[in-house]
Amino acid sequence: MSLTDPESRWMMDKKENKDLNYNYQVAVDSKNGMVVGQYLTQNATDSKELFEMLHEIKRQMGINPKVLIADNGYMDDNVIKYAYDNNIRLIIPDRSESSKNKSKNREKPYQKVNFTYDWKTDSFICPIGEHLHYKNDRKLNGEWMRVYSTNSCKNLPSKKSMHKKQSKRNFRTSR
């Protein structure tokens, strides 16, 4: 905790350095380059902030935007529903496809983004072809997750190169 700024929070930046910070959110009208919404938050991630920003834009401008462009860190089911209900066109890249292209995820093959979902068997397939089957639901950090696991990878000789929890994964779902 900061003695000089107790409202700041420990947050990790893109280079994975931790420091006391705020998360600044800003929306800009692309046609005129004017700020149409802004605020500070203590949330370390952006995943819940787009919904707040839409309300801030409406509060400042009196109307919803017609089109909203954001990076995939803002993707949230509530935002998609709100945008649909209010005729807002969302342009947000798919999180899993975007993450697969990041070099750090190519170097670490057992990141979640490198697992493929199989709809027919309700399982995820790891990069070496093992299936992680649905086990149960669990609430983690206030969000419901579906837990998928396998026992097939526990005794593999290359386990040291794998993620420490590679044989059990939690995937976010809507409830």
N, C-alpha and C. Protein backbone atom coordinates (compact mmCIF):
# COMPACT_ATOMS: atom_id res chain seq x y z
N MET A 1 0.85 -1.19 0.00
CA MET A 1 0.00 0.00 0.00
C MET A 1 0.88 1.24 0.00
N SER A 2 0.49 2.21 -0.75
CA SER A 2 1.23 3.46 -0.83
C SER A 2 0.82 4.37 0.31
N LEU A 3 1.79 4.92 1.02
CA LEU A 3 1.49 5.85 2.10
C LEU A 3 1.09 7.22 1.56
N THR A 4 1.60 7.58 0.38
CA THR A 4 1.29 8.89 -0.19
C THR A 4 0.06 8.88 -1.09
N ASP A 5 -0.31 7.71 -1.59
CA ASP A 5 -1.46 7.60 -2.48
C ASP A 5 -2.18 6.28 -2.20
N PRO A 6 -2.92 6.20 -1.09
CA PRO A 6 -3.53 4.93 -0.67
C PRO A 6 -4.60 4.38 -1.61
N GLU A 7 -5.09 5.19 -2.55
CA GLU A 7 -6.09 4.68 -3.49
C GLU A 7 -5.48 3.96 -4.69
N SER A 8 -4.16 4.06 -4.87
CA SER A 8 -3.51 3.34 -5.96
C SER A 8 -3.43 1.86 -5.63
N ARG A 9 -3.24 1.04 -6.64
CA ARG A 9 -3.19 -0.41 -6.48
C ARG A 9 -1.96 -0.98 -7.19
N TRP A 10 -1.49 -2.12 -6.71
CA TRP A 10 -0.41 -2.83 -7.38
C TRP A 10 -0.96 -3.39 -8.68
N MET A 11 -0.32 -3.02 -9.78
CA MET A 11 -0.75 -3.49 -11.09
C MET A 11 0.49 -3.88 -11.90
N MET A 12 0.30 -4.87 -12.77
CA MET A 12 1.38 -5.32 -13.63
C MET A 12 1.24 -4.65 -14.99
N ASP A 13 2.36 -4.11 -15.50
CA ASP A 13 2.31 -3.49 -16.82
C ASP A 13 2.59 -4.54 -17.90
N LYS A 14 2.65 -4.12 -19.15
CA LYS A 14 2.83 -5.04 -20.26
C LYS A 14 4.19 -5.74 -20.24
N LYS A 15 5.14 -5.14 -19.56
CA LYS A 15 6.47 -5.76 -19.44
C LYS A 15 6.57 -6.61 -18.17
N GLU A 16 5.42 -6.84 -17.53
CA GLU A 16 5.29 -7.66 -16.34
C GLU A 16 6.04 -7.09 -15.13
N ASN A 17 6.15 -5.76 -15.08
CA ASN A 17 6.68 -5.08 -13.89
C ASN A 17 5.51 -4.65 -13.03
N LYS A 18 5.63 -4.85 -11.71
CA LYS A 18 4.57 -4.43 -10.80
C LYS A 18 4.91 -3.08 -10.21
N ASP A 19 3.90 -2.23 -10.11
CA ASP A 19 4.07 -0.91 -9.53
C ASP A 19 2.72 -0.42 -9.03
N LEU A 20 2.73 0.59 -8.17
CA LEU A 20 1.49 1.20 -7.71
C LEU A 20 0.97 2.13 -8.80
N ASN A 21 -0.27 1.88 -9.24
CA ASN A 21 -0.82 2.63 -10.36
C ASN A 21 -2.32 2.78 -10.25
N TYR A 22 -2.86 3.50 -11.21
CA TYR A 22 -4.28 3.53 -11.52
C TYR A 22 -4.42 3.02 -12.93
N ASN A 23 -5.62 2.69 -13.32
CA ASN A 23 -5.91 2.27 -14.68
C ASN A 23 -6.73 3.40 -15.30
N TYR A 24 -6.12 4.13 -16.22
CA TYR A 24 -6.77 5.28 -16.86
C TYR A 24 -7.55 4.79 -18.08
N GLN A 25 -8.81 5.16 -18.15
CA GLN A 25 -9.67 4.79 -19.26
C GLN A 25 -10.05 6.07 -20.00
N VAL A 26 -9.97 6.02 -21.32
CA VAL A 26 -10.32 7.18 -22.13
C VAL A 26 -10.98 6.72 -23.42
N ALA A 27 -11.98 7.47 -23.87
CA ALA A 27 -12.64 7.22 -25.15
C ALA A 27 -12.51 8.49 -25.98
N VAL A 28 -12.18 8.31 -27.25
CA VAL A 28 -11.94 9.43 -28.15
C VAL A 28 -12.83 9.30 -29.38
N ASP A 29 -13.42 10.41 -29.78
CA ASP A 29 -14.18 10.47 -31.02
C ASP A 29 -13.16 10.45 -32.16
N SER A 30 -13.16 9.40 -32.95
CA SER A 30 -12.14 9.25 -33.99
C SER A 30 -12.25 10.30 -35.10
N LYS A 31 -13.45 10.82 -35.33
CA LYS A 31 -13.63 11.81 -36.39
C LYS A 31 -13.01 13.16 -36.01
N ASN A 32 -13.23 13.58 -34.76
CA ASN A 32 -12.76 14.90 -34.34
C ASN A 32 -11.56 14.85 -33.40
N GLY A 33 -11.19 13.67 -32.92
CA GLY A 33 -10.06 13.54 -32.02
C GLY A 33 -10.32 14.10 -30.63
N MET A 34 -11.57 14.23 -30.25
CA MET A 34 -11.92 14.80 -28.95
C MET A 34 -12.21 13.70 -27.94
N VAL A 35 -11.82 13.94 -26.69
CA VAL A 35 -12.11 13.02 -25.61
C VAL A 35 -13.60 13.11 -25.30
N VAL A 36 -14.29 11.98 -25.31
CA VAL A 36 -15.73 11.96 -25.04
C VAL A 36 -16.06 11.22 -23.75
N GLY A 37 -15.06 10.65 -23.11
CA GLY A 37 -15.24 9.98 -21.83
C GLY A 37 -13.90 9.62 -21.24
N GLN A 38 -13.78 9.75 -19.92
CA GLN A 38 -12.54 9.39 -19.24
C GLN A 38 -12.80 9.19 -17.76
N TYR A 39 -12.01 8.32 -17.16
CA TYR A 39 -12.06 8.13 -15.71
C TYR A 39 -10.89 7.26 -15.28
N LEU A 40 -10.61 7.26 -14.00
CA LEU A 40 -9.60 6.40 -13.39
C LEU A 40 -10.29 5.27 -12.65
N THR A 41 -9.67 4.10 -12.67
CA THR A 41 -10.20 2.97 -11.93
C THR A 41 -9.07 2.27 -11.19
N GLN A 42 -9.44 1.54 -10.17
CA GLN A 42 -8.45 0.75 -9.42
C GLN A 42 -8.39 -0.68 -9.93
N ASN A 43 -9.25 -1.03 -10.88
CA ASN A 43 -9.23 -2.38 -11.45
C ASN A 43 -7.96 -2.56 -12.28
N ALA A 44 -7.27 -3.63 -12.03
CA ALA A 44 -6.01 -3.87 -12.72
C ALA A 44 -6.20 -4.28 -14.18
N THR A 45 -7.35 -4.84 -14.51
CA THR A 45 -7.61 -5.26 -15.89
C THR A 45 -8.73 -4.43 -16.50
N ASP A 46 -8.81 -4.47 -17.81
CA ASP A 46 -9.82 -3.68 -18.54
C ASP A 46 -11.12 -4.44 -18.79
N SER A 47 -11.18 -5.70 -18.43
CA SER A 47 -12.30 -6.55 -18.86
C SER A 47 -13.68 -6.05 -18.43
N LYS A 48 -13.79 -5.32 -17.36
CA LYS A 48 -15.10 -4.81 -16.91
C LYS A 48 -15.27 -3.31 -17.17
N GLU A 49 -14.33 -2.70 -17.85
CA GLU A 49 -14.33 -1.24 -17.98
C GLU A 49 -15.11 -0.70 -19.17
N LEU A 50 -15.32 -1.49 -20.21
CA LEU A 50 -16.01 -0.95 -21.38
C LEU A 50 -17.47 -0.63 -21.07
N PHE A 51 -18.09 -1.44 -20.25
CA PHE A 51 -19.47 -1.18 -19.84
C PHE A 51 -19.54 0.17 -19.12
N GLU A 52 -18.59 0.41 -18.21
CA GLU A 52 -18.53 1.71 -17.51
C GLU A 52 -18.28 2.85 -18.48
N MET A 53 -17.40 2.62 -19.46
CA MET A 53 -17.08 3.67 -20.42
C MET A 53 -18.29 4.01 -21.28
N LEU A 54 -19.07 3.02 -21.66
CA LEU A 54 -20.28 3.31 -22.42
C LEU A 54 -21.23 4.21 -21.64
N HIS A 55 -21.35 3.95 -20.34
CA HIS A 55 -22.19 4.82 -19.50
C HIS A 55 -21.58 6.21 -19.36
N GLU A 56 -20.27 6.29 -19.27
CA GLU A 56 -19.59 7.60 -19.17
C GLU A 56 -19.78 8.41 -20.45
N ILE A 57 -19.67 7.76 -21.61
CA ILE A 57 -19.87 8.46 -22.88
C ILE A 57 -21.30 8.99 -22.96
N LYS A 58 -22.25 8.14 -22.58
CA LYS A 58 -23.65 8.59 -22.63
C LYS A 58 -23.88 9.74 -21.65
N ARG A 59 -23.25 9.69 -20.48
CA ARG A 59 -23.39 10.77 -19.49
C ARG A 59 -22.80 12.08 -20.03
N GLN A 60 -21.65 12.00 -20.68
CA GLN A 60 -20.98 13.20 -21.19
C GLN A 60 -21.64 13.75 -22.46
N MET A 61 -22.03 12.84 -23.36
CA MET A 61 -22.52 13.26 -24.67
C MET A 61 -24.05 13.28 -24.77
N GLY A 62 -24.71 12.56 -23.89
CA GLY A 62 -26.16 12.49 -23.95
C GLY A 62 -26.68 11.43 -24.91
N ILE A 63 -25.78 10.76 -25.62
CA ILE A 63 -26.16 9.69 -26.55
C ILE A 63 -25.13 8.57 -26.49
N ASN A 64 -25.55 7.40 -26.94
CA ASN A 64 -24.61 6.29 -27.09
C ASN A 64 -23.83 6.47 -28.38
N PRO A 65 -22.62 5.95 -28.44
CA PRO A 65 -21.89 5.99 -29.71
C PRO A 65 -22.55 5.05 -30.71
N LYS A 66 -22.38 5.33 -32.01
CA LYS A 66 -22.92 4.44 -33.04
C LYS A 66 -21.99 3.25 -33.24
N VAL A 67 -20.69 3.51 -33.16
CA VAL A 67 -19.67 2.47 -33.35
C VAL A 67 -18.66 2.61 -32.22
N LEU A 68 -18.21 1.49 -31.68
CA LEU A 68 -17.21 1.52 -30.64
C LEU A 68 -16.13 0.51 -30.98
N ILE A 69 -14.88 0.97 -31.01
CA ILE A 69 -13.74 0.11 -31.32
C ILE A 69 -12.90 -0.02 -30.06
N ALA A 70 -12.56 -1.25 -29.68
CA ALA A 70 -11.76 -1.48 -28.48
C ALA A 70 -10.87 -2.69 -28.69
N ASP A 71 -9.80 -2.79 -27.89
CA ASP A 71 -8.97 -3.99 -27.99
C ASP A 71 -9.64 -5.14 -27.25
N ASN A 72 -9.13 -6.35 -27.45
CA ASN A 72 -9.81 -7.53 -26.95
C ASN A 72 -9.80 -7.67 -25.43
N GLY A 73 -9.02 -6.87 -24.73
CA GLY A 73 -9.05 -6.89 -23.27
C GLY A 73 -10.36 -6.39 -22.70
N TYR A 74 -11.17 -5.74 -23.51
CA TYR A 74 -12.45 -5.18 -23.07
C TYR A 74 -13.63 -6.10 -23.32
N MET A 75 -13.41 -7.24 -23.96
CA MET A 75 -14.51 -8.13 -24.31
C MET A 75 -15.22 -8.62 -23.05
N ASP A 76 -16.54 -8.49 -23.05
CA ASP A 76 -17.35 -8.90 -21.91
C ASP A 76 -18.77 -9.17 -22.41
N ASP A 77 -19.39 -10.24 -21.92
CA ASP A 77 -20.74 -10.60 -22.36
C ASP A 77 -21.75 -9.48 -22.09
N ASN A 78 -21.64 -8.79 -20.96
CA ASN A 78 -22.57 -7.71 -20.63
C ASN A 78 -22.47 -6.56 -21.62
N VAL A 79 -21.25 -6.27 -22.08
CA VAL A 79 -21.04 -5.20 -23.06
C VAL A 79 -21.68 -5.58 -24.39
N ILE A 80 -21.51 -6.82 -24.79
CA ILE A 80 -22.09 -7.28 -26.06
C ILE A 80 -23.61 -7.15 -26.01
N LYS A 81 -24.23 -7.56 -24.93
CA LYS A 81 -25.68 -7.46 -24.79
C LYS A 81 -26.13 -6.00 -24.78
N TYR A 82 -25.43 -5.15 -24.00
CA TYR A 82 -25.78 -3.73 -23.93
C TYR A 82 -25.67 -3.09 -25.32
N ALA A 83 -24.58 -3.40 -26.02
CA ALA A 83 -24.38 -2.83 -27.36
C ALA A 83 -25.48 -3.28 -28.31
N TYR A 84 -25.83 -4.54 -28.27
CA TYR A 84 -26.90 -5.06 -29.13
C TYR A 84 -28.23 -4.37 -28.80
N ASP A 85 -28.56 -4.28 -27.51
CA ASP A 85 -29.82 -3.67 -27.09
C ASP A 85 -29.89 -2.18 -27.42
N ASN A 86 -28.74 -1.52 -27.55
CA ASN A 86 -28.70 -0.08 -27.79
C ASN A 86 -28.19 0.29 -29.18
N ASN A 87 -28.19 -0.67 -30.10
CA ASN A 87 -27.78 -0.44 -31.49
C ASN A 87 -26.39 0.18 -31.62
N ILE A 88 -25.46 -0.32 -30.81
CA ILE A 88 -24.06 0.12 -30.89
C ILE A 88 -23.29 -0.97 -31.62
N ARG A 89 -22.59 -0.59 -32.65
CA ARG A 89 -21.78 -1.55 -33.40
C ARG A 89 -20.43 -1.69 -32.71
N LEU A 90 -20.14 -2.88 -32.19
CA LEU A 90 -18.87 -3.15 -31.51
C LEU A 90 -17.88 -3.75 -32.49
N ILE A 91 -16.66 -3.23 -32.43
CA ILE A 91 -15.57 -3.82 -33.21
C ILE A 91 -14.47 -4.15 -32.22
N ILE A 92 -14.41 -5.44 -31.87
CA ILE A 92 -13.43 -5.93 -30.90
C ILE A 92 -12.86 -7.22 -31.46
N PRO A 93 -11.53 -7.32 -31.60
CA PRO A 93 -10.97 -8.57 -32.12
C PRO A 93 -11.19 -9.73 -31.16
N ASP A 94 -11.26 -10.93 -31.71
CA ASP A 94 -11.43 -12.14 -30.92
C ASP A 94 -10.21 -12.33 -30.02
N ARG A 95 -10.46 -12.55 -28.73
CA ARG A 95 -9.38 -12.66 -27.74
C ARG A 95 -8.46 -13.84 -28.01
N SER A 96 -9.02 -14.99 -28.29
CA SER A 96 -8.16 -16.17 -28.46
C SER A 96 -7.31 -16.08 -29.72
N GLU A 97 -7.88 -15.58 -30.81
CA GLU A 97 -7.10 -15.44 -32.03
C GLU A 97 -6.00 -14.40 -31.87
N SER A 98 -6.32 -13.30 -31.23
CA SER A 98 -5.33 -12.25 -31.02
C SER A 98 -4.21 -12.74 -30.10
N SER A 99 -4.56 -13.49 -29.06
CA SER A 99 -3.57 -13.98 -28.11
C SER A 99 -2.63 -14.99 -28.74
N LYS A 100 -3.13 -15.78 -29.68
CA LYS A 100 -2.28 -16.79 -30.33
C LYS A 100 -1.14 -16.13 -31.09
N ASN A 101 -1.35 -14.90 -31.54
CA ASN A 101 -0.33 -14.22 -32.32
C ASN A 101 0.73 -13.53 -31.48
N LYS A 102 0.53 -13.44 -30.18
CA LYS A 102 1.53 -12.82 -29.32
C LYS A 102 2.72 -13.76 -29.19
N SER A 103 3.92 -13.21 -29.33
CA SER A 103 5.12 -14.05 -29.31
C SER A 103 5.27 -14.81 -28.00
N LYS A 104 4.90 -14.21 -26.86
CA LYS A 104 5.07 -14.92 -25.58
C LYS A 104 4.18 -16.15 -25.51
N ASN A 105 3.04 -16.17 -26.21
CA ASN A 105 2.17 -17.33 -26.21
C ASN A 105 2.64 -18.42 -27.17
N ARG A 106 3.40 -18.03 -28.18
CA ARG A 106 3.99 -19.04 -29.06
C ARG A 106 5.17 -19.71 -28.36
N GLU A 107 5.88 -18.96 -27.51
CA GLU A 107 7.02 -19.51 -26.78
C GLU A 107 6.57 -20.43 -25.66
N LYS A 108 5.37 -20.24 -25.13
CA LYS A 108 4.83 -21.06 -24.04
C LYS A 108 3.61 -21.80 -24.60
N PRO A 109 3.81 -22.97 -25.16
CA PRO A 109 2.72 -23.65 -25.87
C PRO A 109 1.56 -24.08 -24.98
N TYR A 110 1.72 -24.10 -23.66
CA TYR A 110 0.64 -24.57 -22.80
C TYR A 110 -0.17 -23.44 -22.18
N GLN A 111 -0.11 -22.25 -22.79
CA GLN A 111 -1.00 -21.16 -22.40
C GLN A 111 -2.41 -21.55 -22.84
N LYS A 112 -3.43 -21.05 -22.15
CA LYS A 112 -4.82 -21.41 -22.46
C LYS A 112 -5.19 -21.13 -23.91
N VAL A 113 -4.65 -20.07 -24.47
CA VAL A 113 -5.03 -19.71 -25.85
C VAL A 113 -4.61 -20.76 -26.86
N ASN A 114 -3.69 -21.63 -26.49
CA ASN A 114 -3.22 -22.67 -27.40
C ASN A 114 -4.00 -23.97 -27.29
N PHE A 115 -5.06 -23.98 -26.47
CA PHE A 115 -5.94 -25.13 -26.34
C PHE A 115 -7.14 -24.90 -27.26
N THR A 116 -7.62 -25.96 -27.88
CA THR A 116 -8.75 -25.87 -28.81
C THR A 116 -9.97 -26.54 -28.18
N TYR A 117 -11.12 -25.88 -28.31
CA TYR A 117 -12.35 -26.45 -27.74
C TYR A 117 -13.00 -27.39 -28.75
N ASP A 118 -13.42 -28.57 -28.27
CA ASP A 118 -14.14 -29.55 -29.09
C ASP A 118 -15.59 -29.58 -28.62
N TRP A 119 -16.49 -29.02 -29.42
CA TRP A 119 -17.91 -28.91 -29.05
C TRP A 119 -18.57 -30.28 -28.90
N LYS A 120 -18.18 -31.22 -29.73
CA LYS A 120 -18.82 -32.54 -29.71
C LYS A 120 -18.60 -33.27 -28.39
N THR A 121 -17.39 -33.13 -27.82
CA THR A 121 -17.06 -33.87 -26.59
C THR A 121 -17.03 -32.97 -25.35
N ASP A 122 -17.34 -31.67 -25.50
CA ASP A 122 -17.23 -30.70 -24.40
C ASP A 122 -15.88 -30.87 -23.71
N SER A 123 -14.82 -30.75 -24.49
CA SER A 123 -13.47 -30.89 -23.95
C SER A 123 -12.54 -29.91 -24.65
N PHE A 124 -11.40 -29.67 -24.03
CA PHE A 124 -10.36 -28.87 -24.65
C PHE A 124 -9.23 -29.80 -25.05
N ILE A 125 -8.60 -29.51 -26.16
CA ILE A 125 -7.49 -30.33 -26.65
C ILE A 125 -6.21 -29.53 -26.48
N CYS A 126 -5.26 -30.10 -25.74
CA CYS A 126 -3.99 -29.42 -25.49
C CYS A 126 -3.11 -29.50 -26.74
N PRO A 127 -2.01 -28.75 -26.76
CA PRO A 127 -1.14 -28.74 -27.95
C PRO A 127 -0.55 -30.09 -28.34
N ILE A 128 -0.51 -31.08 -27.42
CA ILE A 128 0.00 -32.40 -27.81
C ILE A 128 -1.13 -33.39 -28.08
N GLY A 129 -2.38 -32.90 -28.11
CA GLY A 129 -3.51 -33.73 -28.51
C GLY A 129 -4.29 -34.40 -27.40
N GLU A 130 -3.94 -34.18 -26.15
CA GLU A 130 -4.68 -34.78 -25.03
C GLU A 130 -5.97 -33.99 -24.79
N HIS A 131 -7.04 -34.69 -24.44
CA HIS A 131 -8.33 -34.05 -24.16
C HIS A 131 -8.46 -33.77 -22.67
N LEU A 132 -8.85 -32.55 -22.35
CA LEU A 132 -9.19 -32.18 -20.98
C LEU A 132 -10.71 -32.12 -20.94
N HIS A 133 -11.34 -33.02 -20.18
CA HIS A 133 -12.80 -33.13 -20.13
C HIS A 133 -13.37 -32.29 -18.99
N TYR A 134 -14.62 -31.85 -19.18
CA TYR A 134 -15.32 -31.05 -18.17
C TYR A 134 -15.38 -31.82 -16.85
N LYS A 135 -15.03 -31.14 -15.76
CA LYS A 135 -15.04 -31.76 -14.44
C LYS A 135 -16.12 -31.15 -13.55
N ASN A 136 -16.13 -29.82 -13.41
CA ASN A 136 -17.12 -29.14 -12.57
C ASN A 136 -17.06 -27.64 -12.80
N ASP A 137 -17.93 -26.90 -12.12
CA ASP A 137 -17.90 -25.44 -12.14
C ASP A 137 -17.29 -24.96 -10.84
N ARG A 138 -16.58 -23.84 -10.91
CA ARG A 138 -15.95 -23.28 -9.73
C ARG A 138 -15.95 -21.76 -9.85
N LYS A 139 -16.19 -21.07 -8.77
CA LYS A 139 -16.16 -19.61 -8.76
C LYS A 139 -14.76 -19.15 -8.36
N LEU A 140 -14.09 -18.44 -9.27
CA LEU A 140 -12.75 -17.92 -9.03
C LEU A 140 -12.74 -16.43 -9.28
N ASN A 141 -12.26 -15.67 -8.31
CA ASN A 141 -12.21 -14.21 -8.42
C ASN A 141 -13.56 -13.61 -8.82
N GLY A 142 -14.64 -14.18 -8.27
CA GLY A 142 -15.98 -13.64 -8.49
C GLY A 142 -16.62 -14.06 -9.80
N GLU A 143 -15.94 -14.86 -10.60
CA GLU A 143 -16.49 -15.31 -11.88
C GLU A 143 -16.59 -16.82 -11.91
N TRP A 144 -17.67 -17.32 -12.51
CA TRP A 144 -17.83 -18.76 -12.64
C TRP A 144 -16.92 -19.27 -13.75
N MET A 145 -16.25 -20.35 -13.46
CA MET A 145 -15.36 -20.99 -14.42
C MET A 145 -15.75 -22.46 -14.55
N ARG A 146 -15.56 -23.00 -15.74
CA ARG A 146 -15.72 -24.44 -15.94
C ARG A 146 -14.33 -25.04 -15.83
N VAL A 147 -14.21 -26.09 -15.07
CA VAL A 147 -12.93 -26.75 -14.86
C VAL A 147 -12.85 -27.97 -15.76
N TYR A 148 -11.78 -28.06 -16.54
CA TYR A 148 -11.52 -29.19 -17.41
C TYR A 148 -10.20 -29.81 -16.96
N SER A 149 -10.13 -31.14 -16.95
CA SER A 149 -8.89 -31.77 -16.50
C SER A 149 -8.65 -33.10 -17.20
N THR A 150 -7.41 -33.58 -17.04
CA THR A 150 -7.00 -34.89 -17.56
C THR A 150 -5.94 -35.45 -16.64
N ASN A 151 -5.86 -36.76 -16.58
CA ASN A 151 -4.78 -37.42 -15.84
C ASN A 151 -3.68 -37.89 -16.78
N SER A 152 -3.89 -37.74 -18.08
CA SER A 152 -2.97 -38.27 -19.08
C SER A 152 -1.59 -37.63 -19.05
N CYS A 153 -1.49 -36.39 -18.60
CA CYS A 153 -0.22 -35.67 -18.72
C CYS A 153 0.60 -35.65 -17.43
N LYS A 154 0.12 -36.26 -16.39
CA LYS A 154 0.82 -36.18 -15.10
C LYS A 154 2.19 -36.84 -15.11
N ASN A 155 2.40 -37.86 -15.92
CA ASN A 155 3.67 -38.60 -15.90
C ASN A 155 4.51 -38.41 -17.16
N LEU A 156 4.23 -37.39 -17.93
CA LEU A 156 5.01 -37.16 -19.14
C LEU A 156 6.42 -36.70 -18.79
N PRO A 157 7.46 -37.19 -19.50
CA PRO A 157 8.83 -36.80 -19.18
C PRO A 157 9.11 -35.32 -19.44
N SER A 158 8.38 -34.69 -20.35
CA SER A 158 8.63 -33.28 -20.66
C SER A 158 7.81 -32.34 -19.78
N LYS A 159 7.29 -32.82 -18.65
CA LYS A 159 6.41 -32.03 -17.78
C LYS A 159 7.06 -30.72 -17.34
N LYS A 160 8.40 -30.72 -17.16
CA LYS A 160 9.07 -29.50 -16.70
C LYS A 160 8.90 -28.35 -17.68
N SER A 161 8.74 -28.65 -18.95
CA SER A 161 8.56 -27.59 -19.94
C SER A 161 7.12 -27.14 -20.04
N MET A 162 6.22 -27.84 -19.37
CA MET A 162 4.80 -27.50 -19.42
C MET A 162 4.43 -26.56 -18.30
N HIS A 163 3.28 -25.96 -18.43
CA HIS A 163 2.74 -25.09 -17.39
C HIS A 163 2.48 -25.92 -16.15
N LYS A 164 2.71 -25.35 -14.97
CA LYS A 164 2.58 -26.12 -13.73
C LYS A 164 1.18 -26.70 -13.51
N LYS A 165 0.16 -26.07 -14.09
CA LYS A 165 -1.20 -26.58 -13.91
C LYS A 165 -1.78 -27.04 -15.24
N GLN A 166 -0.92 -27.49 -16.12
CA GLN A 166 -1.35 -27.84 -17.47
C GLN A 166 -2.36 -28.97 -17.49
N SER A 167 -2.36 -29.86 -16.49
CA SER A 167 -3.31 -30.97 -16.52
C SER A 167 -4.69 -30.59 -16.00
N LYS A 168 -4.83 -29.36 -15.45
CA LYS A 168 -6.15 -28.88 -15.03
C LYS A 168 -6.26 -27.42 -15.44
N ARG A 169 -7.30 -27.05 -16.15
CA ARG A 169 -7.49 -25.68 -16.63
C ARG A 169 -8.87 -25.18 -16.28
N ASN A 170 -8.97 -23.88 -16.03
CA ASN A 170 -10.24 -23.21 -15.79
C ASN A 170 -10.54 -22.32 -16.99
N PHE A 171 -11.74 -22.42 -17.52
CA PHE A 171 -12.14 -21.60 -18.64
C PHE A 171 -13.39 -20.81 -18.28
N ARG A 172 -13.37 -19.51 -18.56
CA ARG A 172 -14.49 -18.61 -18.24
C ARG A 172 -15.71 -18.97 -19.06
N THR A 173 -16.85 -18.95 -18.40
CA THR A 173 -18.11 -19.23 -19.10
C THR A 173 -19.17 -18.26 -18.64
N SER A 174 -20.24 -18.18 -19.38
CA SER A 174 -21.39 -17.37 -18.97
C SER A 174 -22.32 -18.24 -18.17
N ARG A 175 -22.96 -17.66 -17.18
CA ARG A 175 -23.95 -18.39 -16.38
C ARG A 175 -25.25 -17.70 -16.45
